[in-house]
C-alpha atoms as a PDB file:
ATOM      1  CA  UNK A   1      80.354  54.975  49.785  1.00  0.00           C
ATOM      2  CA  UNK A   2      79.102  58.326  50.570  1.00  0.00           C
ATOM      3  CA  UNK A   3      78.317  60.522  47.488  1.00  0.00           C
ATOM      4  CA  UNK A   4      80.685  63.556  47.851  1.00  0.00           C
ATOM      5  CA  UNK A   5      79.045  66.842  48.172  1.00  0.00           C
ATOM      6  CA  UNK A   6      80.062  68.579  45.683  1.00  0.00           C
ATOM      7  CA  UNK A   7      77.617  66.287  43.871  1.00  0.00           C
ATOM      8  CA  UNK A   8      74.401  67.150  46.119  1.00  0.00           C
ATOM      9  CA  UNK A   9      74.203  70.310  44.462  1.00  0.00           C
ATOM     10  CA  UNK A  10      74.571  69.621  40.596  1.00  0.00           C
ATOM     11  CA  UNK A  11      71.447  66.322  40.887  1.00  0.00           C
ATOM     12  CA  UNK A  12      69.728  69.419  42.460  1.00  0.00           C
ATOM     13  CA  UNK A  13      70.464  71.390  39.867  1.00  0.00           C
ATOM     14  CA  UNK A  14      69.060  68.883  37.615  1.00  0.00           C
ATOM     15  CA  UNK A  15      66.186  68.229  39.591  1.00  0.00           C
ATOM     16  CA  UNK A  16      65.054  71.253  39.463  1.00  0.00           C
ATOM     17  CA  UNK A  17      65.291  72.018  35.993  1.00  0.00           C
ATOM     18  CA  UNK A  18      63.799  69.538  34.695  1.00  0.00           C
ATOM     19  CA  UNK A  19      60.679  69.839  37.454  1.00  0.00           C
ATOM     20  CA  UNK A  20      61.100  73.511  35.259  1.00  0.00           C
ATOM     21  CA  UNK A  21      60.504  71.623  32.324  1.00  0.00           C
ATOM     22  CA  UNK A  22      57.327  70.035  33.177  1.00  0.00           C
ATOM     23  CA  UNK A  23      55.763  72.399  34.568  1.00  0.00           C
ATOM     24  CA  UNK A  24      55.389  74.432  31.059  1.00  0.00           C
ATOM     25  CA  UNK A  25      51.808  74.789  30.027  1.00  0.00           C
ATOM     26  CA  UNK A  26      53.858  75.649  26.349  1.00  0.00           C
ATOM     27  CA  UNK A  27      55.811  71.645  26.511  1.00  0.00           C
ATOM     28  CA  UNK A  28      52.583  70.216  26.827  1.00  0.00           C
ATOM     29  CA  UNK A  29      50.532  72.661  24.632  1.00  0.00           C
ATOM     30  CA  UNK A  30      52.495  71.378  21.849  1.00  0.00           C
ATOM     31  CA  UNK A  31      53.756  67.602  22.630  1.00  0.00           C
ATOM     32  CA  UNK A  32      49.770  66.781  23.494  1.00  0.00           C
ATOM     33  CA  UNK A  33      48.588  67.525  20.374  1.00  0.00           C
ATOM     34  CA  UNK A  34      51.437  66.101  17.984  1.00  0.00           C
ATOM     35  CA  UNK A  35      50.880  62.522  20.314  1.00  0.00           C
ATOM     36  CA  UNK A  36      47.179  62.615  19.657  1.00  0.00           C
ATOM     37  CA  UNK A  37      47.759  63.416  15.711  1.00  0.00           C
ATOM     38  CA  UNK A  38      50.300  60.231  15.355  1.00  0.00           C
ATOM     39  CA  UNK A  39      47.393  58.622  17.106  1.00  0.00           C
ATOM     40  CA  UNK A  40      45.560  58.965  14.742  1.00  0.00           C
ATOM     41  CA  UNK A  41      46.972  58.440  11.963  1.00  0.00           C
ATOM     42  CA  UNK A  42      48.071  55.626  12.739  1.00  0.00           C
ATOM     43  CA  UNK A  43      45.137  54.263  13.420  1.00  0.00           C
ATOM     44  CA  UNK A  44      43.047  55.704  10.566  1.00  0.00           C
ATOM     45  CA  UNK A  45      46.013  55.756   7.617  1.00  0.00           C
ATOM     46  CA  UNK A  46      47.700  53.953   6.260  1.00  0.00           C
ATOM     47  CA  UNK A  47      51.299  52.922   7.460  1.00  0.00           C
ATOM     48  CA  UNK A  48      53.239  54.551   4.852  1.00  0.00           C
ATOM     49  CA  UNK A  49      51.503  57.897   4.833  1.00  0.00           C
ATOM     50  CA  UNK A  50      50.971  57.800   8.145  1.00  0.00           C
ATOM     51  CA  UNK A  51      54.773  57.263   9.025  1.00  0.00           C
ATOM     52  CA  UNK A  52      54.974  60.462   6.370  1.00  0.00           C
ATOM     53  CA  UNK A  53      52.998  62.146   8.714  1.00  0.00           C
ATOM     54  CA  UNK A  54      54.268  61.301  11.865  1.00  0.00           C
ATOM     55  CA  UNK A  55      57.614  62.105  10.958  1.00  0.00           C
ATOM     56  CA  UNK A  56      56.827  65.882   9.468  1.00  0.00           C
ATOM     57  CA  UNK A  57      54.509  66.745  13.061  1.00  0.00           C
ATOM     58  CA  UNK A  58      57.777  65.768  15.010  1.00  0.00           C
ATOM     59  CA  UNK A  59      59.793  67.923  12.087  1.00  0.00           C
ATOM     60  CA  UNK A  60      57.250  70.817  13.485  1.00  0.00           C
ATOM     61  CA  UNK A  61      57.031  69.830  17.655  1.00  0.00           C
ATOM     62  CA  UNK A  62      61.266  69.734  17.384  1.00  0.00           C
ATOM     63  CA  UNK A  63      60.678  72.881  16.239  1.00  0.00           C
ATOM     64  CA  UNK A  64      58.848  74.949  18.303  1.00  0.00           C
ATOM     65  CA  UNK A  65      60.221  73.240  20.980  1.00  0.00           C
ATOM     66  CA  UNK A  66      63.264  74.265  20.557  1.00  0.00           C
ATOM     67  CA  UNK A  67      61.745  78.255  20.268  1.00  0.00           C
ATOM     68  CA  UNK A  68      59.966  77.470  23.199  1.00  0.00           C
ATOM     69  CA  UNK A  69      61.446  80.134  25.243  1.00  0.00           C
ATOM     70  CA  UNK A  70      60.310  82.453  22.192  1.00  0.00           C
ATOM     71  CA  UNK A  71      56.860  81.367  22.545  1.00  0.00           C
ATOM     72  CA  UNK A  72      54.214  83.652  25.444  1.00  0.00           C
ATOM     73  CA  UNK A  73      54.121  81.436  28.673  1.00  0.00           C
ATOM     74  CA  UNK A  74      50.184  81.513  29.435  1.00  0.00           C
ATOM     75  CA  UNK A  75      49.281  81.478  33.050  1.00  0.00           C
ATOM     76  CA  UNK A  76      48.285  77.840  34.703  1.00  0.00           C
ATOM     77  CA  UNK A  77      45.382  79.449  35.974  1.00  0.00           C
ATOM     78  CA  UNK A  78      43.706  81.977  33.591  1.00  0.00           C
ATOM     79  CA  UNK A  79      44.087  78.909  31.114  1.00  0.00           C
ATOM     80  CA  UNK A  80      42.335  76.691  32.515  1.00  0.00           C
ATOM     81  CA  UNK A  81      39.541  79.732  33.475  1.00  0.00           C
ATOM     82  CA  UNK A  82      39.470  80.714  29.793  1.00  0.00           C
ATOM     83  CA  UNK A  83      38.959  77.023  29.273  1.00  0.00           C
ATOM     84  CA  UNK A  84      36.088  76.660  31.067  1.00  0.00           C
ATOM     85  CA  UNK A  85      34.460  79.544  29.638  1.00  0.00           C
ATOM     86  CA  UNK A  86      34.665  80.030  25.815  1.00  0.00           C
ATOM     87  CA  UNK A  87      34.593  75.813  25.679  1.00  0.00           C
ATOM     88  CA  UNK A  88      32.928  74.114  28.677  1.00  0.00           C
ATOM     89  CA  UNK A  89      30.504  76.419  29.561  1.00  0.00           C
ATOM     90  CA  UNK A  90      28.773  77.033  26.014  1.00  0.00           C
ATOM     91  CA  UNK A  91      29.722  73.355  25.215  1.00  0.00           C
ATOM     92  CA  UNK A  92      27.301  72.179  28.174  1.00  0.00           C
ATOM     93  CA  UNK A  93      24.787  75.276  27.659  1.00  0.00           C
ATOM     94  CA  UNK A  94      24.402  73.903  24.502  1.00  0.00           C
ATOM     95  CA  UNK A  95      23.924  70.871  23.960  1.00  0.00           C
ATOM     96  CA  UNK A  96      21.378  70.434  27.190  1.00  0.00           C
ATOM     97  CA  UNK A  97      19.309  73.509  25.028  1.00  0.00           C
ATOM     98  CA  UNK A  98      19.287  72.795  22.096  1.00  0.00           C
ATOM     99  CA  UNK A  99      18.679  68.258  23.273  1.00  0.00           C
ATOM    100  CA  UNK A 100      15.062  70.762  25.313  1.00  0.00           C
ATOM    101  CA  UNK A 101      14.130  72.216  22.444  1.00  0.00           C
ATOM    102  CA  UNK A 102      10.836  70.078  21.804  1.00  0.00           C
ATOM    103  CA  UNK A 103       9.716  71.177  25.504  1.00  0.00           C
ATOM    104  CA  UNK A 104       6.617  73.368  23.249  1.00  0.00           C
ATOM    105  CA  UNK A 105       5.658  70.638  21.589  1.00  0.00           C
ATOM    106  CA  UNK A 106       5.655  68.422  24.218  1.00  0.00           C
ATOM    107  CA  UNK A 107       3.446  70.673  26.411  1.00  0.00           C
ATOM    108  CA  UNK A 108       1.452  70.835  23.415  1.00  0.00           C
ATOM    109  CA  UNK A 109       0.819  67.590  23.370  1.00  0.00           C
ATOM    110  CA  UNK A 110       0.566  66.537  27.011  1.00  0.00           C
ATOM    111  CA  UNK A 111      -2.872  68.676  27.492  1.00  0.00           C
ATOM    112  CA  UNK A 112      -3.747  65.986  25.074  1.00  0.00           C
ATOM    113  CA  UNK A 113      -3.491  63.228  26.941  1.00  0.00           C
ATOM    114  CA  UNK A 114      -4.688  64.032  30.029  1.00  0.00           C
ATOM    115  CA  UNK A 115      -8.115  64.137  28.580  1.00  0.00           C
ATOM    116  CA  UNK A 116      -8.669  61.962  25.793  1.00  0.00           C
ATOM    117  CA  UNK A 117      -7.636  57.734  26.359  1.00  0.00           C
ATOM    118  CA  UNK A 118      -4.746  56.804  24.232  1.00  0.00           C
ATOM    119  CA  UNK A 119      -6.942  54.989  21.110  1.00  0.00           C
ATOM    120  CA  UNK A 120      -8.075  59.326  20.485  1.00  0.00           C
ATOM    121  CA  UNK A 121      -5.969  60.485  17.658  1.00  0.00           C
ATOM    122  CA  UNK A 122      -6.127  64.574  17.333  1.00  0.00           C
ATOM    123  CA  UNK A 123      -7.889  65.909  14.816  1.00  0.00           C
ATOM    124  CA  UNK A 124      -4.563  67.565  11.955  1.00  0.00           C
ATOM    125  CA  UNK A 125      -4.972  71.066  13.168  1.00  0.00           C
ATOM    126  CA  UNK A 126      -4.169  69.842  16.371  1.00  0.00           C
ATOM    127  CA  UNK A 127      -0.545  68.021  15.467  1.00  0.00           C
ATOM    128  CA  UNK A 128      -0.168  71.485  12.795  1.00  0.00           C
ATOM    129  CA  UNK A 129       0.228  73.606  15.794  1.00  0.00           C
ATOM    130  CA  UNK A 130       2.503  70.763  17.215  1.00  0.00           C
ATOM    131  CA  UNK A 131       4.486  71.279  13.835  1.00  0.00           C
ATOM    132  CA  UNK A 132       4.431  75.427  14.586  1.00  0.00           C
ATOM    133  CA  UNK A 133       4.617  74.414  18.698  1.00  0.00           C
ATOM    134  CA  UNK A 134       8.386  72.714  17.565  1.00  0.00           C
ATOM    135  CA  UNK A 135       9.799  74.906  15.427  1.00  0.00           C
ATOM    136  CA  UNK A 136       9.401  77.662  17.647  1.00  0.00           C
ATOM    137  CA  UNK A 137      10.508  75.804  20.235  1.00  0.00           C
ATOM    138  CA  UNK A 138      13.552  75.431  18.341  1.00  0.00           C
ATOM    139  CA  UNK A 139      14.169  79.561  18.383  1.00  0.00           C
ATOM    140  CA  UNK A 140      13.348  79.344  22.162  1.00  0.00           C
ATOM    141  CA  UNK A 141      16.219  77.543  23.015  1.00  0.00           C
ATOM    142  CA  UNK A 142      18.721  79.809  20.128  1.00  0.00           C
ATOM    143  CA  UNK A 143      17.602  82.741  21.945  1.00  0.00           C
ATOM    144  CA  UNK A 144      18.775  80.670  25.398  1.00  0.00           C
ATOM    145  CA  UNK A 145      21.770  79.082  24.509  1.00  0.00           C
ATOM    146  CA  UNK A 146      22.848  83.056  22.516  1.00  0.00           C
ATOM    147  CA  UNK A 147      21.199  84.469  25.867  1.00  0.00           C
ATOM    148  CA  UNK A 148      23.917  82.430  28.527  1.00  0.00           C
ATOM    149  CA  UNK A 149      26.193  81.823  25.921  1.00  0.00           C
ATOM    150  CA  UNK A 150      26.871  85.337  25.083  1.00  0.00           C
ATOM    151  CA  UNK A 151      29.225  85.676  22.569  1.00  0.00           C
ATOM    152  CA  UNK A 152      29.811  81.722  22.570  1.00  0.00           C
ATOM    153  CA  UNK A 153      26.547  81.291  21.010  1.00  0.00           C
ATOM    154  CA  UNK A 154      27.531  80.303  17.665  1.00  0.00           C
ATOM    155  CA  UNK A 155      29.877  77.965  19.097  1.00  0.00           C
ATOM    156  CA  UNK A 156      27.747  76.305  21.877  1.00  0.00           C
ATOM    157  CA  UNK A 157      24.897  76.121  18.775  1.00  0.00           C
ATOM    158  CA  UNK A 158      27.018  74.121  16.312  1.00  0.00           C
ATOM    159  CA  UNK A 159      28.357  72.226  19.475  1.00  0.00           C
ATOM    160  CA  UNK A 160      25.016  71.281  20.615  1.00  0.00           C
ATOM    161  CA  UNK A 161      24.060  70.417  17.233  1.00  0.00           C
ATOM    162  CA  UNK A 162      26.695  67.765  16.597  1.00  0.00           C
ATOM    163  CA  UNK A 163      24.757  65.478  19.168  1.00  0.00           C
ATOM    164  CA  UNK A 164      20.696  66.766  18.167  1.00  0.00           C
ATOM    165  CA  UNK A 165      21.232  65.792  15.559  1.00  0.00           C
ATOM    166  CA  UNK A 166      22.409  62.412  15.534  1.00  0.00           C
ATOM    167  CA  UNK A 167      19.315  62.263  17.830  1.00  0.00           C
ATOM    168  CA  UNK A 168      17.491  63.364  15.669  1.00  0.00           C
ATOM    169  CA  UNK A 169      18.714  61.150  12.509  1.00  0.00           C
ATOM    170  CA  UNK A 170      18.858  57.781  15.939  1.00  0.00           C
ATOM    171  CA  UNK A 171      15.025  58.464  15.739  1.00  0.00           C
ATOM    172  CA  UNK A 172      13.283  58.649  12.660  1.00  0.00           C
ATOM    173  CA  UNK A 173      15.633  55.486  11.094  1.00  0.00           C
ATOM    174  CA  UNK A 174      16.004  53.578  14.431  1.00  0.00           C
ATOM    175  CA  UNK A 175      13.168  51.153  13.473  1.00  0.00           C
ATOM    176  CA  UNK A 176       9.772  51.760  11.888  1.00  0.00           C
ATOM    177  CA  UNK A 177       9.590  55.599  13.512  1.00  0.00           C
ATOM    178  CA  UNK A 178       8.764  57.023   9.784  1.00  0.00           C
ATOM    179  CA  UNK A 179       5.826  54.036   9.607  1.00  0.00           C
ATOM    180  CA  UNK A 180       4.099  55.432  12.557  1.00  0.00           C
ATOM    181  CA  UNK A 181       4.762  58.816  11.633  1.00  0.00           C
ATOM    182  CA  UNK A 182       2.384  58.589   8.408  1.00  0.00           C
ATOM    183  CA  UNK A 183       0.065  56.801   9.583  1.00  0.00           C
ATOM    184  CA  UNK A 184      -0.228  59.363  12.578  1.00  0.00           C
ATOM    185  CA  UNK A 185      -0.323  61.540  10.055  1.00  0.00           C
ATOM    186  CA  UNK A 186      -2.684  60.119   7.337  1.00  0.00           C
ATOM    187  CA  UNK A 187      -4.725  58.957  10.769  1.00  0.00           C
ATOM    188  CA  UNK A 188      -5.707  62.856  11.828  1.00  0.00           C
ATOM    189  CA  UNK A 189      -5.777  64.258   8.439  1.00  0.00           C
ATOM    190  CA  UNK A 190      -7.387  61.452   6.770  1.00  0.00           C
ATOM    191  CA  UNK A 191      -3.942  61.316   4.265  1.00  0.00           C
ATOM    192  CA  UNK A 192      -3.651  58.265   2.087  1.00  0.00           C
ATOM    193  CA  UNK A 193       0.381  56.605   2.604  1.00  0.00           C
ATOM    194  CA  UNK A 194       2.093  53.875   0.040  1.00  0.00           C
ATOM    195  CA  UNK A 195       5.968  53.087   0.160  1.00  0.00           C
ATOM    196  CA  UNK A 196       6.482  55.622  -1.850  1.00  0.00           C
ATOM    197  CA  UNK A 197       4.936  58.276   0.161  1.00  0.00           C
ATOM    198  CA  UNK A 198       6.556  57.343   2.697  1.00  0.00           C
ATOM    199  CA  UNK A 199      10.405  57.437   1.221  1.00  0.00           C
ATOM    200  CA  UNK A 200       9.079  61.068  -0.043  1.00  0.00           C
ATOM    201  CA  UNK A 201       7.359  61.448   4.407  1.00  0.00           C
ATOM    202  CA  UNK A 202      12.028  60.326   5.474  1.00  0.00           C
ATOM    203  CA  UNK A 203      13.291  63.221   2.972  1.00  0.00           C
ATOM    204  CA  UNK A 204      11.335  65.066   4.380  1.00  0.00           C
ATOM    205  CA  UNK A 205      11.985  64.769   7.750  1.00  0.00           C
ATOM    206  CA  UNK A 206      15.440  64.355   7.572  1.00  0.00           C
ATOM    207  CA  UNK A 207      15.062  68.098   5.417  1.00  0.00           C
ATOM    208  CA  UNK A 208      13.453  69.718   8.264  1.00  0.00           C
ATOM    209  CA  UNK A 209      15.653  68.756  11.252  1.00  0.00           C
ATOM    210  CA  UNK A 210      18.789  70.307   8.828  1.00  0.00           C
ATOM    211  CA  UNK A 211      16.307  73.375   8.162  1.00  0.00           C
ATOM    212  CA  UNK A 212      15.973  73.239  11.707  1.00  0.00           C
ATOM    213  CA  UNK A 213      19.365  73.223  12.667  1.00  0.00           C
ATOM    214  CA  UNK A 214      20.651  76.153  10.745  1.00  0.00           C
ATOM    215  CA  UNK A 215      16.968  78.063  11.528  1.00  0.00           C
ATOM    216  CA  UNK A 216      19.092  77.453  15.435  1.00  0.00           C
ATOM    217  CA  UNK A 217      22.591  78.607  14.238  1.00  0.00           C
ATOM    218  CA  UNK A 218      20.737  82.322  12.816  1.00  0.00           C
ATOM    219  CA  UNK A 219      19.068  82.659  15.704  1.00  0.00           C
ATOM    220  CA  UNK A 220      21.964  82.492  18.368  1.00  0.00           C
ATOM    221  CA  UNK A 221      23.662  84.830  15.987  1.00  0.00           C
ATOM    222  CA  UNK A 222      21.703  87.661  15.288  1.00  0.00           C
ATOM    223  CA  UNK A 223      20.747  87.575  19.247  1.00  0.00           C
ATOM    224  CA  UNK A 224      24.307  87.157  20.623  1.00  0.00           C
ATOM    225  CA  UNK A 225      24.989  89.663  17.595  1.00  0.00           C
ATOM    226  CA  UNK A 226      22.045  92.492  19.528  1.00  0.00           C
ATOM    227  CA  UNK A 227      23.593  91.242  22.837  1.00  0.00           C
ATOM    228  CA  UNK A 228      27.590  92.087  22.325  1.00  0.00           C
ATOM    229  CA  UNK A 229      26.089  95.770  20.470  1.00  0.00           C
ATOM    230  CA  UNK A 230      23.897  96.191  23.962  1.00  0.00           C
ATOM    231  CA  UNK A 231      26.452  95.266  25.755  1.00  0.00           C
ATOM    232  CA  UNK A 232      29.375  97.894  24.306  1.00  0.00           C
ATOM    233  CA  UNK A 233      26.793 100.930  23.643  1.00  0.00           C
ATOM    234  CA  UNK A 234      25.234 100.656  27.245  1.00  0.00           C
ATOM    235  CA  UNK A 235      21.644  99.779  25.313  1.00  0.00           C
ATOM    236  CA  UNK A 236      19.686  96.437  24.803  1.00  0.00           C
ATOM    237  CA  UNK A 237      19.078  94.623  28.170  1.00  0.00           C
ATOM    238  CA  UNK A 238      21.162  96.417  29.724  1.00  0.00           C
ATOM    239  CA  UNK A 239      21.075  99.824  29.357  1.00  0.00           C
ATOM    240  CA  UNK A 240      17.034  98.945  30.500  1.00  0.00           C
ATOM    241  CA  UNK A 241      18.109  97.653  33.779  1.00  0.00           C
ATOM    242  CA  UNK A 242      20.304 100.398  34.645  1.00  0.00           C
ATOM    243  CA  UNK A 243      17.480 102.651  33.438  1.00  0.00           C
ATOM    244  CA  UNK A 244      14.674 100.387  35.870  1.00  0.00           C
ATOM    245  CA  UNK A 245      17.693 100.697  39.240  1.00  0.00           C
ATOM    246  CA  UNK A 246      17.177 104.259  38.982  1.00  0.00           C
END
């Protein structure tokens, strides 16, 4: 039996309305986070709490969907571009730059390996200078991150530290990393080491790693603020570049 001509416009309008609704970014910005929250609740929380939380999230999502026409409608390309500029790019900068902060100490130790045998032990002053290079590397990484990420420098550094700190803790507590470090320092600086000293050294290394993270956030914040003031007032690096071009 052939379809009546009157049914075709109605069916076409129905398909167009469905396509228009599914292509609305506002719908997905409500539905996707709600589904993620409900899924995590089912896996991480007890069944009763997860059920109550899912019910509350569903009520909120339903309320927002009913009022979706009153919400501002974002531009799809603009939304993707802003997400890339504000999230993806700063996060990538933060992860790769802060995880490369040990480049200065590695360059400093490289010259020792080039001109000394494998069994040679560097002097205490050489090792302490390498530790100073490690801290300077964190400062340099924070400055580079702030220069590249600008007003998103703090976010970039936080994301970078979320990768850098677990890697550092893994290197510290995996295997006999602390004992090897204490043995190296004992041979280099003539220190005596025992089990209690190793425990104290482990605490000191953890505190030092956390302090390096705080230092990186502090420096990135200061540099990004200075760059932002230079951009708004015409001073700083922009003004000097303009004067150089003149």
